[in-house]
Amino acid sequence: MTRMNQLEAWLAQEREVAGRVEAGAGCGVARPEQVAGRGGLEVLHAMLRGELPYPPMARTLNFQLMEAEAGRAVFQGTPGPEHFNPMGGIHGGWYATLLDSALDCAVHTMMPAGRGYTTAELGVNLVKAIGRNVQRVRAEGKVLHCGRQLATAEARLFGPDGTLYAHATTTCLVFELPKG
């Protein structure tokens, strides 16, 4: 698929997902009773269907969850002037946040009901600047290991032409969620 065809496919999927989530629960934070008894993958699928709200940070940083399956999560982001650093490039924190979201949501897909996680370590490598002509990027996170106490994952941030902009790894602590 050519770069333009890939970008068109990404934009079409973005419109579809955004339409569902905005027409549904919109932006916000799910209440505990909305997620009680649901596994992580079920929660993310409910967000993608618009049944549960999506996190406000996604709107603030102009990215959204696009896909989720067991051990994998994909986010798509639109880098823009609001994300510039003082030198006029996309701030490394934007790269890191997009990658962290893909990493953590990939881990989230592996959580059964009653289990949670938190990031213990995040390593990010920026390998290429996102130029002003890059309209969209995707962060794809994949779980490498998910055990009773630790989970590890890796992610790549890339453009529609396959250009790699950054990659990252995480270690998450896995735990029982408090009852009630």
N, C-alpha and C. Protein backbone atom coordinates (compact mmCIF):
# COMPACT_ATOMS: atom_id res chain seq x y z
N MET A 1 0.85 -1.17 0.00
CA MET A 1 0.00 0.00 0.00
C MET A 1 0.89 1.24 0.00
N THR A 2 0.57 2.21 -0.84
CA THR A 2 1.37 3.44 -0.88
C THR A 2 1.16 4.26 0.37
N ARG A 3 2.07 5.19 0.59
CA ARG A 3 1.99 6.07 1.77
C ARG A 3 0.65 6.80 1.80
N MET A 4 0.21 7.33 0.63
CA MET A 4 -1.04 8.09 0.58
C MET A 4 -2.23 7.17 0.84
N ASN A 5 -2.22 5.97 0.26
CA ASN A 5 -3.32 5.03 0.51
C ASN A 5 -3.35 4.65 1.99
N GLN A 6 -2.18 4.44 2.59
CA GLN A 6 -2.11 4.09 4.01
C GLN A 6 -2.66 5.22 4.86
N LEU A 7 -2.26 6.45 4.54
CA LEU A 7 -2.77 7.60 5.28
C LEU A 7 -4.28 7.71 5.12
N GLU A 8 -4.79 7.53 3.93
CA GLU A 8 -6.24 7.58 3.70
C GLU A 8 -6.96 6.52 4.52
N ALA A 9 -6.39 5.32 4.60
CA ALA A 9 -6.98 4.24 5.41
C ALA A 9 -6.97 4.62 6.89
N TRP A 10 -5.86 5.19 7.36
CA TRP A 10 -5.77 5.62 8.75
C TRP A 10 -6.81 6.70 9.06
N LEU A 11 -6.95 7.68 8.14
CA LEU A 11 -7.91 8.76 8.36
C LEU A 11 -9.35 8.25 8.36
N ALA A 12 -9.65 7.30 7.49
CA ALA A 12 -11.00 6.72 7.44
C ALA A 12 -11.29 5.99 8.75
N GLN A 13 -10.32 5.21 9.23
CA GLN A 13 -10.52 4.51 10.50
C GLN A 13 -10.67 5.50 11.65
N GLU A 14 -9.88 6.57 11.62
CA GLU A 14 -9.96 7.61 12.66
C GLU A 14 -11.35 8.24 12.69
N ARG A 15 -11.91 8.57 11.52
CA ARG A 15 -13.25 9.16 11.46
C ARG A 15 -14.29 8.19 12.02
N GLU A 16 -14.15 6.92 11.69
CA GLU A 16 -15.09 5.91 12.17
C GLU A 16 -15.05 5.78 13.70
N VAL A 17 -13.84 5.65 14.24
CA VAL A 17 -13.69 5.50 15.69
C VAL A 17 -14.14 6.78 16.40
N ALA A 18 -13.69 7.94 15.92
CA ALA A 18 -14.06 9.21 16.55
C ALA A 18 -15.58 9.42 16.52
N GLY A 19 -16.22 9.05 15.43
CA GLY A 19 -17.67 9.18 15.34
C GLY A 19 -18.38 8.35 16.41
N ARG A 20 -17.91 7.13 16.61
CA ARG A 20 -18.53 6.25 17.63
C ARG A 20 -18.31 6.78 19.04
N VAL A 21 -17.09 7.16 19.35
CA VAL A 21 -16.80 7.56 20.73
C VAL A 21 -17.43 8.91 21.06
N GLU A 22 -17.47 9.83 20.11
CA GLU A 22 -18.08 11.14 20.37
C GLU A 22 -19.60 11.03 20.45
N ALA A 23 -20.20 10.15 19.64
CA ALA A 23 -21.66 9.96 19.67
C ALA A 23 -22.08 9.18 20.91
N GLY A 24 -21.15 8.46 21.49
CA GLY A 24 -21.45 7.65 22.68
C GLY A 24 -21.16 8.41 23.94
N ALA A 25 -20.35 7.82 24.79
CA ALA A 25 -20.07 8.39 26.11
C ALA A 25 -19.19 9.64 26.06
N GLY A 26 -18.47 9.86 24.96
CA GLY A 26 -17.63 11.04 24.82
C GLY A 26 -16.41 10.99 25.72
N CYS A 27 -15.95 12.16 26.07
CA CYS A 27 -14.73 12.33 26.85
C CYS A 27 -15.05 12.35 28.34
N GLY A 28 -14.24 11.67 29.13
CA GLY A 28 -14.44 11.66 30.57
C GLY A 28 -13.73 10.49 31.21
N VAL A 29 -14.13 10.13 32.39
CA VAL A 29 -13.53 9.02 33.12
C VAL A 29 -14.65 8.07 33.53
N ALA A 30 -14.47 6.80 33.23
CA ALA A 30 -15.47 5.80 33.60
C ALA A 30 -15.59 5.71 35.12
N ARG A 31 -16.80 5.54 35.59
CA ARG A 31 -17.05 5.35 37.01
C ARG A 31 -16.70 3.92 37.39
N PRO A 32 -16.29 3.68 38.63
CA PRO A 32 -15.91 2.33 39.05
C PRO A 32 -16.97 1.27 38.75
N GLU A 33 -18.23 1.60 38.93
CA GLU A 33 -19.28 0.61 38.66
C GLU A 33 -19.42 0.29 37.17
N GLN A 34 -18.94 1.19 36.30
CA GLN A 34 -19.00 0.92 34.86
C GLN A 34 -17.95 -0.11 34.42
N VAL A 35 -16.86 -0.20 35.16
CA VAL A 35 -15.80 -1.13 34.77
C VAL A 35 -15.70 -2.35 35.69
N ALA A 36 -16.45 -2.33 36.79
CA ALA A 36 -16.42 -3.46 37.73
C ALA A 36 -16.81 -4.76 37.03
N GLY A 37 -16.02 -5.80 37.27
CA GLY A 37 -16.30 -7.10 36.69
C GLY A 37 -15.86 -7.26 35.25
N ARG A 38 -15.26 -6.25 34.66
CA ARG A 38 -14.81 -6.32 33.27
C ARG A 38 -13.30 -6.47 33.22
N GLY A 39 -12.83 -7.27 32.30
CA GLY A 39 -11.41 -7.38 32.03
C GLY A 39 -10.94 -6.17 31.23
N GLY A 40 -9.63 -5.98 31.15
CA GLY A 40 -9.07 -4.84 30.45
C GLY A 40 -9.44 -4.75 28.99
N LEU A 41 -9.41 -5.87 28.28
CA LEU A 41 -9.75 -5.86 26.86
C LEU A 41 -11.21 -5.47 26.68
N GLU A 42 -12.08 -5.98 27.55
CA GLU A 42 -13.49 -5.64 27.48
C GLU A 42 -13.71 -4.13 27.71
N VAL A 43 -12.97 -3.55 28.64
CA VAL A 43 -13.07 -2.11 28.90
C VAL A 43 -12.65 -1.31 27.66
N LEU A 44 -11.53 -1.68 27.06
CA LEU A 44 -11.06 -0.94 25.88
C LEU A 44 -12.02 -1.09 24.71
N HIS A 45 -12.58 -2.29 24.53
CA HIS A 45 -13.56 -2.48 23.46
C HIS A 45 -14.80 -1.63 23.71
N ALA A 46 -15.22 -1.51 24.97
CA ALA A 46 -16.37 -0.67 25.31
C ALA A 46 -16.07 0.80 25.00
N MET A 47 -14.83 1.24 25.23
CA MET A 47 -14.44 2.61 24.86
C MET A 47 -14.52 2.79 23.35
N LEU A 48 -14.00 1.82 22.61
CA LEU A 48 -14.00 1.92 21.14
C LEU A 48 -15.43 1.92 20.57
N ARG A 49 -16.36 1.28 21.27
CA ARG A 49 -17.77 1.28 20.82
C ARG A 49 -18.51 2.53 21.29
N GLY A 50 -17.89 3.35 22.14
CA GLY A 50 -18.53 4.54 22.65
C GLY A 50 -19.39 4.30 23.87
N GLU A 51 -19.31 3.11 24.45
CA GLU A 51 -20.11 2.78 25.63
C GLU A 51 -19.50 3.32 26.92
N LEU A 52 -18.19 3.47 26.93
CA LEU A 52 -17.48 4.06 28.07
C LEU A 52 -16.74 5.29 27.57
N PRO A 53 -16.57 6.30 28.43
CA PRO A 53 -15.85 7.50 27.98
C PRO A 53 -14.37 7.21 27.74
N TYR A 54 -13.79 8.02 26.86
CA TYR A 54 -12.35 7.93 26.64
C TYR A 54 -11.66 9.01 27.47
N PRO A 55 -10.40 8.78 27.87
CA PRO A 55 -9.71 9.71 28.78
C PRO A 55 -9.54 11.12 28.20
N PRO A 56 -9.76 12.15 29.02
CA PRO A 56 -9.61 13.53 28.56
C PRO A 56 -8.22 13.85 28.00
N MET A 57 -7.19 13.16 28.49
CA MET A 57 -5.84 13.43 28.01
C MET A 57 -5.73 13.18 26.51
N ALA A 58 -6.49 12.23 25.99
CA ALA A 58 -6.45 11.94 24.56
C ALA A 58 -6.88 13.16 23.74
N ARG A 59 -7.88 13.87 24.24
CA ARG A 59 -8.33 15.08 23.55
C ARG A 59 -7.27 16.17 23.69
N THR A 60 -6.71 16.31 24.89
CA THR A 60 -5.71 17.35 25.14
C THR A 60 -4.50 17.20 24.22
N LEU A 61 -4.04 15.96 24.03
CA LEU A 61 -2.84 15.72 23.23
C LEU A 61 -3.13 15.26 21.81
N ASN A 62 -4.40 15.25 21.43
CA ASN A 62 -4.82 14.97 20.05
C ASN A 62 -4.39 13.59 19.56
N PHE A 63 -4.73 12.57 20.36
CA PHE A 63 -4.55 11.19 19.92
C PHE A 63 -5.70 10.35 20.44
N GLN A 64 -5.86 9.16 19.85
CA GLN A 64 -6.94 8.29 20.29
C GLN A 64 -6.60 6.83 20.08
N LEU A 65 -7.23 6.00 20.91
CA LEU A 65 -7.14 4.56 20.76
C LEU A 65 -7.83 4.18 19.46
N MET A 66 -7.19 3.35 18.67
CA MET A 66 -7.76 2.93 17.38
C MET A 66 -8.13 1.45 17.38
N GLU A 67 -7.28 0.62 18.01
CA GLU A 67 -7.48 -0.82 17.99
C GLU A 67 -7.00 -1.41 19.30
N ALA A 68 -7.65 -2.50 19.70
CA ALA A 68 -7.21 -3.24 20.88
C ALA A 68 -7.55 -4.70 20.69
N GLU A 69 -6.60 -5.54 20.94
CA GLU A 69 -6.80 -6.98 20.94
C GLU A 69 -5.87 -7.54 22.02
N ALA A 70 -6.03 -8.79 22.36
CA ALA A 70 -5.23 -9.37 23.44
C ALA A 70 -3.74 -9.15 23.18
N GLY A 71 -3.10 -8.41 24.09
CA GLY A 71 -1.66 -8.18 24.01
C GLY A 71 -1.23 -7.09 23.06
N ARG A 72 -2.18 -6.32 22.51
CA ARG A 72 -1.83 -5.31 21.50
C ARG A 72 -2.79 -4.12 21.58
N ALA A 73 -2.25 -2.92 21.44
CA ALA A 73 -3.06 -1.70 21.38
C ALA A 73 -2.42 -0.73 20.40
N VAL A 74 -3.25 -0.04 19.64
CA VAL A 74 -2.78 0.92 18.65
C VAL A 74 -3.45 2.27 18.91
N PHE A 75 -2.62 3.31 18.98
CA PHE A 75 -3.09 4.68 19.10
C PHE A 75 -2.67 5.45 17.86
N GLN A 76 -3.46 6.43 17.49
CA GLN A 76 -3.12 7.31 16.37
C GLN A 76 -3.13 8.74 16.88
N GLY A 77 -2.12 9.51 16.47
CA GLY A 77 -2.02 10.88 16.92
C GLY A 77 -1.78 11.85 15.79
N THR A 78 -2.18 13.08 16.03
CA THR A 78 -1.99 14.16 15.07
C THR A 78 -1.03 15.16 15.68
N PRO A 79 0.24 15.14 15.26
CA PRO A 79 1.19 16.11 15.80
C PRO A 79 0.89 17.49 15.21
N GLY A 80 0.94 18.50 16.06
CA GLY A 80 0.64 19.84 15.57
C GLY A 80 1.41 20.90 16.31
N PRO A 81 1.21 22.16 15.95
CA PRO A 81 1.94 23.27 16.56
C PRO A 81 1.78 23.34 18.08
N GLU A 82 0.64 22.86 18.60
CA GLU A 82 0.43 22.88 20.04
C GLU A 82 1.35 21.91 20.77
N HIS A 83 2.05 21.07 20.02
CA HIS A 83 2.98 20.10 20.60
C HIS A 83 4.44 20.48 20.36
N PHE A 84 4.68 21.66 19.81
CA PHE A 84 6.05 22.09 19.51
C PHE A 84 6.85 22.36 20.78
N ASN A 85 8.13 22.04 20.69
CA ASN A 85 9.09 22.44 21.73
C ASN A 85 9.63 23.83 21.35
N PRO A 86 10.51 24.42 22.15
CA PRO A 86 11.01 25.76 21.84
C PRO A 86 11.77 25.87 20.52
N MET A 87 12.22 24.73 19.98
CA MET A 87 12.96 24.77 18.71
C MET A 87 12.06 24.54 17.51
N GLY A 88 10.75 24.38 17.75
CA GLY A 88 9.81 24.23 16.65
C GLY A 88 9.57 22.80 16.21
N GLY A 89 10.09 21.83 16.95
CA GLY A 89 9.84 20.43 16.64
C GLY A 89 8.81 19.85 17.61
N ILE A 90 8.33 18.67 17.33
CA ILE A 90 7.37 18.02 18.23
C ILE A 90 8.10 17.62 19.51
N HIS A 91 7.55 18.03 20.63
CA HIS A 91 8.16 17.79 21.94
C HIS A 91 8.29 16.29 22.21
N GLY A 92 9.43 15.89 22.77
CA GLY A 92 9.66 14.49 23.09
C GLY A 92 8.64 13.92 24.06
N GLY A 93 8.07 14.77 24.90
CA GLY A 93 7.04 14.32 25.82
C GLY A 93 5.78 13.85 25.10
N TRP A 94 5.50 14.43 23.93
CA TRP A 94 4.34 13.98 23.15
C TRP A 94 4.61 12.58 22.61
N TYR A 95 5.80 12.36 22.07
CA TYR A 95 6.19 11.02 21.62
C TYR A 95 6.01 10.03 22.78
N ALA A 96 6.61 10.40 23.93
CA ALA A 96 6.61 9.49 25.09
C ALA A 96 5.21 9.18 25.58
N THR A 97 4.33 10.19 25.61
CA THR A 97 2.97 9.96 26.09
C THR A 97 2.19 9.06 25.15
N LEU A 98 2.36 9.26 23.87
CA LEU A 98 1.67 8.41 22.89
C LEU A 98 2.17 6.97 23.00
N LEU A 99 3.49 6.80 23.11
CA LEU A 99 4.05 5.46 23.27
C LEU A 99 3.63 4.82 24.59
N ASP A 100 3.65 5.60 25.67
CA ASP A 100 3.25 5.08 26.97
C ASP A 100 1.79 4.61 26.94
N SER A 101 0.94 5.33 26.26
CA SER A 101 -0.47 4.94 26.16
C SER A 101 -0.60 3.61 25.43
N ALA A 102 0.13 3.43 24.33
CA ALA A 102 0.07 2.17 23.59
C ALA A 102 0.63 1.02 24.42
N LEU A 103 1.73 1.26 25.10
CA LEU A 103 2.34 0.23 25.95
C LEU A 103 1.38 -0.20 27.06
N ASP A 104 0.88 0.79 27.80
CA ASP A 104 0.03 0.48 28.95
C ASP A 104 -1.29 -0.14 28.53
N CYS A 105 -1.87 0.33 27.45
CA CYS A 105 -3.14 -0.27 27.02
C CYS A 105 -2.93 -1.69 26.49
N ALA A 106 -1.77 -1.96 25.89
CA ALA A 106 -1.47 -3.34 25.50
C ALA A 106 -1.45 -4.23 26.75
N VAL A 107 -0.83 -3.75 27.81
CA VAL A 107 -0.82 -4.49 29.08
C VAL A 107 -2.25 -4.58 29.63
N HIS A 108 -3.00 -3.49 29.53
CA HIS A 108 -4.37 -3.46 30.03
C HIS A 108 -5.23 -4.57 29.40
N THR A 109 -4.98 -4.86 28.12
CA THR A 109 -5.75 -5.91 27.44
C THR A 109 -5.57 -7.27 28.08
N MET A 110 -4.50 -7.44 28.82
CA MET A 110 -4.19 -8.73 29.43
C MET A 110 -4.70 -8.85 30.86
N MET A 111 -5.29 -7.78 31.38
CA MET A 111 -5.76 -7.79 32.77
C MET A 111 -7.14 -8.42 32.88
N PRO A 112 -7.27 -9.48 33.69
CA PRO A 112 -8.62 -10.00 33.96
C PRO A 112 -9.34 -9.05 34.92
N ALA A 113 -10.63 -9.23 35.05
CA ALA A 113 -11.40 -8.42 36.00
C ALA A 113 -10.76 -8.53 37.38
N GLY A 114 -10.65 -7.40 38.07
CA GLY A 114 -10.09 -7.40 39.41
C GLY A 114 -8.59 -7.22 39.48
N ARG A 115 -7.91 -7.13 38.33
CA ARG A 115 -6.46 -6.92 38.30
C ARG A 115 -6.17 -5.58 37.66
N GLY A 116 -5.12 -4.92 38.16
CA GLY A 116 -4.70 -3.65 37.63
C GLY A 116 -3.19 -3.62 37.46
N TYR A 117 -2.68 -2.48 37.05
CA TYR A 117 -1.24 -2.34 36.79
C TYR A 117 -0.87 -0.88 36.92
N THR A 118 0.41 -0.63 37.05
CA THR A 118 0.93 0.73 37.00
C THR A 118 2.33 0.67 36.38
N THR A 119 2.71 1.72 35.70
CA THR A 119 4.03 1.77 35.07
C THR A 119 5.10 1.89 36.15
N ALA A 120 6.09 1.01 36.08
CA ALA A 120 7.24 1.08 36.98
C ALA A 120 8.44 1.66 36.26
N GLU A 121 8.52 1.42 34.96
CA GLU A 121 9.67 1.89 34.17
C GLU A 121 9.20 2.14 32.76
N LEU A 122 9.67 3.24 32.18
CA LEU A 122 9.39 3.59 30.80
C LEU A 122 10.69 4.04 30.15
N GLY A 123 11.05 3.40 29.07
CA GLY A 123 12.24 3.78 28.31
C GLY A 123 11.83 4.18 26.91
N VAL A 124 12.22 5.37 26.48
CA VAL A 124 11.83 5.88 25.16
C VAL A 124 13.08 6.26 24.38
N ASN A 125 13.11 5.85 23.12
CA ASN A 125 14.20 6.21 22.22
C ASN A 125 13.60 6.97 21.03
N LEU A 126 13.97 8.25 20.89
CA LEU A 126 13.54 9.05 19.75
C LEU A 126 14.59 8.88 18.67
N VAL A 127 14.18 8.40 17.50
CA VAL A 127 15.17 8.11 16.46
C VAL A 127 15.06 9.03 15.25
N LYS A 128 13.94 9.76 15.13
CA LYS A 128 13.78 10.67 14.00
C LYS A 128 12.76 11.74 14.38
N ALA A 129 13.03 12.96 13.97
CA ALA A 129 12.09 14.05 14.24
C ALA A 129 10.83 13.88 13.39
N ILE A 130 9.69 14.17 14.00
CA ILE A 130 8.43 14.20 13.25
C ILE A 130 8.37 15.56 12.58
N GLY A 131 8.45 15.58 11.27
CA GLY A 131 8.46 16.84 10.53
C GLY A 131 7.08 17.47 10.43
N ARG A 132 7.07 18.71 10.00
CA ARG A 132 5.82 19.48 9.88
C ARG A 132 4.85 18.87 8.87
N ASN A 133 5.32 18.07 7.94
CA ASN A 133 4.45 17.49 6.91
C ASN A 133 3.84 16.16 7.32
N VAL A 134 4.22 15.64 8.48
CA VAL A 134 3.68 14.36 8.95
C VAL A 134 2.30 14.63 9.54
N GLN A 135 1.26 14.10 8.89
CA GLN A 135 -0.11 14.37 9.32
C GLN A 135 -0.58 13.47 10.45
N ARG A 136 -0.12 12.23 10.48
CA ARG A 136 -0.54 11.29 11.51
C ARG A 136 0.63 10.35 11.80
N VAL A 137 0.64 9.86 13.04
CA VAL A 137 1.56 8.80 13.42
C VAL A 137 0.76 7.78 14.23
N ARG A 138 1.29 6.59 14.28
CA ARG A 138 0.68 5.53 15.07
C ARG A 138 1.69 4.96 16.04
N ALA A 139 1.20 4.63 17.23
CA ALA A 139 1.99 3.93 18.23
C ALA A 139 1.34 2.57 18.43
N GLU A 140 2.10 1.53 18.19
CA GLU A 140 1.60 0.17 18.36
C GLU A 140 2.35 -0.49 19.49
N GLY A 141 1.62 -0.85 20.55
CA GLY A 141 2.21 -1.52 21.69
C GLY A 141 1.89 -3.00 21.68
N LYS A 142 2.87 -3.81 22.07
CA LYS A 142 2.71 -5.26 22.14
C LYS A 142 3.30 -5.78 23.44
N VAL A 143 2.54 -6.65 24.10
CA VAL A 143 3.00 -7.25 25.34
C VAL A 143 4.04 -8.32 25.02
N LEU A 144 5.13 -8.29 25.77
CA LEU A 144 6.17 -9.31 25.65
C LEU A 144 5.98 -10.39 26.71
N HIS A 145 5.56 -9.96 27.91
CA HIS A 145 5.36 -10.88 29.04
C HIS A 145 4.30 -10.28 29.95
N CYS A 146 3.39 -11.13 30.42
CA CYS A 146 2.42 -10.68 31.41
C CYS A 146 2.27 -11.78 32.45
N GLY A 147 2.83 -11.52 33.61
CA GLY A 147 2.77 -12.48 34.70
C GLY A 147 1.90 -11.99 35.84
N ARG A 148 1.98 -12.66 36.96
CA ARG A 148 1.16 -12.34 38.12
C ARG A 148 1.57 -11.01 38.76
N GLN A 149 2.86 -10.65 38.67
CA GLN A 149 3.34 -9.44 39.32
C GLN A 149 3.97 -8.42 38.37
N LEU A 150 4.46 -8.85 37.22
CA LEU A 150 5.12 -7.95 36.27
C LEU A 150 4.62 -8.20 34.86
N ALA A 151 4.59 -7.12 34.09
CA ALA A 151 4.30 -7.21 32.66
C ALA A 151 5.31 -6.33 31.95
N THR A 152 5.74 -6.76 30.77
CA THR A 152 6.63 -5.96 29.95
C THR A 152 6.02 -5.84 28.56
N ALA A 153 6.31 -4.71 27.91
CA ALA A 153 5.78 -4.47 26.57
C ALA A 153 6.76 -3.59 25.80
N GLU A 154 6.59 -3.62 24.48
CA GLU A 154 7.39 -2.76 23.60
C GLU A 154 6.43 -2.06 22.64
N ALA A 155 6.87 -0.89 22.14
CA ALA A 155 6.04 -0.14 21.20
C ALA A 155 6.91 0.56 20.18
N ARG A 156 6.29 0.83 19.03
CA ARG A 156 6.94 1.59 17.96
C ARG A 156 6.02 2.75 17.58
N LEU A 157 6.60 3.90 17.28
CA LEU A 157 5.89 5.06 16.78
C LEU A 157 6.32 5.27 15.34
N PHE A 158 5.37 5.20 14.40
CA PHE A 158 5.72 5.22 12.99
C PHE A 158 4.69 6.01 12.17
N GLY A 159 5.11 6.39 10.98
CA GLY A 159 4.23 7.11 10.06
C GLY A 159 3.59 6.18 9.06
N PRO A 160 2.68 6.71 8.24
CA PRO A 160 1.98 5.88 7.26
C PRO A 160 2.90 5.29 6.19
N ASP A 161 4.08 5.86 6.03
CA ASP A 161 5.04 5.32 5.06
C ASP A 161 5.99 4.30 5.72
N GLY A 162 5.76 4.01 7.00
CA GLY A 162 6.59 3.04 7.72
C GLY A 162 7.78 3.65 8.42
N THR A 163 8.00 4.96 8.28
CA THR A 163 9.13 5.62 8.94
C THR A 163 9.01 5.45 10.45
N LEU A 164 10.07 4.97 11.08
CA LEU A 164 10.12 4.82 12.53
C LEU A 164 10.59 6.14 13.14
N TYR A 165 9.79 6.69 14.07
CA TYR A 165 10.14 7.93 14.75
C TYR A 165 10.65 7.68 16.17
N ALA A 166 10.15 6.63 16.80
CA ALA A 166 10.58 6.33 18.16
C ALA A 166 10.17 4.91 18.51
N HIS A 167 10.81 4.38 19.54
CA HIS A 167 10.40 3.08 20.08
C HIS A 167 10.58 3.13 21.58
N ALA A 168 9.87 2.24 22.27
CA ALA A 168 9.86 2.31 23.73
C ALA A 168 9.61 0.94 24.34
N THR A 169 9.95 0.84 25.62
CA THR A 169 9.65 -0.36 26.40
C THR A 169 9.09 0.07 27.75
N THR A 170 8.38 -0.83 28.39
CA THR A 170 7.87 -0.56 29.72
C THR A 170 7.91 -1.82 30.57
N THR A 171 8.00 -1.61 31.85
CA THR A 171 7.77 -2.65 32.86
C THR A 171 6.65 -2.13 33.74
N CYS A 172 5.62 -2.95 33.90
CA CYS A 172 4.47 -2.57 34.73
C CYS A 172 4.36 -3.52 35.91
N LEU A 173 3.99 -2.97 37.06
CA LEU A 173 3.66 -3.77 38.22
C LEU A 173 2.20 -4.18 38.11
N VAL A 174 1.91 -5.46 38.33
CA VAL A 174 0.56 -6.00 38.23
C VAL A 174 0.10 -6.34 39.64
N PHE A 175 -1.17 -6.04 39.95
CA PHE A 175 -1.67 -6.23 41.32
C PHE A 175 -3.18 -6.45 41.33
N GLU A 176 -3.66 -6.90 42.47
CA GLU A 176 -5.10 -7.03 42.70
C GLU A 176 -5.67 -5.64 42.97
N LEU A 177 -6.80 -5.33 42.37
CA LEU A 177 -7.46 -4.06 42.67
C LEU A 177 -8.20 -4.17 43.99
N PRO A 178 -8.29 -3.08 44.73
CA PRO A 178 -9.04 -3.12 45.98
C PRO A 178 -10.51 -3.49 45.73
N LYS A 179 -11.08 -4.26 46.59
CA LYS A 179 -12.50 -4.64 46.48
C LYS A 179 -13.37 -3.45 46.79
N GLY A 180 -14.50 -3.35 46.07
CA GLY A 180 -15.48 -2.30 46.34
C GLY A 180 -15.00 -0.97 45.88
